[in-house]
Amino acid sequence: MATFLLWLVLLVVAWPLAILALILYPIVWLISLPFRLVGISVKGLLELIGSIIRLPARVPGGPREA
């Protein structure tokens, strides 16, 4: 909602810039999508490696009872 209100303010102040932003936003979103997917994959891989490294430290503790 805040983004929409900011866009409305931009529309009132500088309507050509607001129209340009409205047209370019989906294009920028599509271009940045592969980078976001790579970031999610790298984060998951690093978490997997970290949990594999920390696994031997958790094993001697055994199961914990509540």
Protein backbone atom coordinates (compact mmCIF):
# COMPACT_ATOMS: atom_id res chain seq x y z
CA MET A 1 0.00 0.00 0.00
CA ALA A 2 2.83 2.38 0.85
CA THR A 3 4.46 1.75 -2.52
CA PHE A 4 1.22 2.58 -4.29
CA LEU A 5 0.83 5.81 -2.30
CA LEU A 6 4.40 6.80 -3.11
CA TRP A 7 3.72 6.11 -6.77
CA LEU A 8 0.62 8.31 -6.62
CA VAL A 9 2.70 11.13 -5.14
CA LEU A 10 5.22 10.65 -7.94
CA LEU A 11 2.36 10.70 -10.44
CA VAL A 12 1.22 14.07 -9.15
CA VAL A 13 4.73 15.55 -8.95
CA ALA A 14 6.28 14.13 -12.12
CA TRP A 15 3.85 12.12 -14.19
CA PRO A 16 6.28 11.16 -17.01
CA LEU A 17 8.66 9.64 -14.48
CA ALA A 18 5.79 7.77 -12.82
CA ILE A 19 4.64 6.32 -16.15
CA LEU A 20 8.24 5.32 -16.96
CA ALA A 21 8.56 3.63 -13.58
CA LEU A 22 5.27 1.82 -14.15
CA ILE A 23 6.50 0.49 -17.50
CA LEU A 24 10.04 -0.42 -16.38
CA TYR A 25 9.14 -2.13 -13.08
CA PRO A 26 8.04 -5.47 -14.63
CA ILE A 27 11.09 -5.51 -16.91
CA VAL A 28 13.49 -4.93 -13.98
CA TRP A 29 11.64 -7.57 -11.95
CA LEU A 30 12.05 -10.14 -14.76
CA ILE A 31 15.75 -9.34 -15.15
CA SER A 32 16.41 -9.66 -11.41
CA LEU A 33 14.48 -12.94 -11.03
CA PRO A 34 17.38 -15.26 -12.01
CA PHE A 35 19.68 -13.50 -9.53
CA ARG A 36 17.14 -14.05 -6.75
CA LEU A 37 16.84 -17.74 -7.65
CA VAL A 38 20.63 -18.13 -7.58
CA GLY A 39 20.72 -16.37 -4.20
CA ILE A 40 18.11 -18.73 -2.76
CA SER A 41 20.02 -21.75 -4.10
CA VAL A 42 23.36 -20.56 -2.73
CA LYS A 43 21.81 -19.81 0.67
CA GLY A 44 20.30 -23.29 0.81
CA LEU A 45 23.58 -24.90 -0.19
CA LEU A 46 25.53 -22.97 2.46
CA GLU A 47 22.99 -23.92 5.13
CA LEU A 48 23.28 -27.57 4.08
CA ILE A 49 27.07 -27.47 4.28
CA GLY A 50 26.90 -25.74 7.66
CA SER A 51 24.51 -28.32 9.07
CA ILE A 52 26.72 -31.16 7.78
CA ILE A 53 29.76 -29.58 9.45
CA ARG A 54 27.89 -29.08 12.75
CA LEU A 55 26.38 -32.58 12.71
CA PRO A 56 29.31 -34.34 14.46
CA ALA A 57 29.05 -31.87 17.36
CA ARG A 58 25.37 -32.70 17.90
CA VAL A 59 25.61 -36.50 17.61
CA PRO A 60 27.41 -37.22 20.97
CA GLY A 61 24.69 -35.37 22.84
CA GLY A 62 22.15 -37.97 21.86
CA PRO A 63 18.39 -37.44 21.84
CA ARG A 64 17.05 -34.97 24.34
CA GLU A 65 13.91 -35.75 26.24
CA ALA A 66 11.38 -33.08 27.04
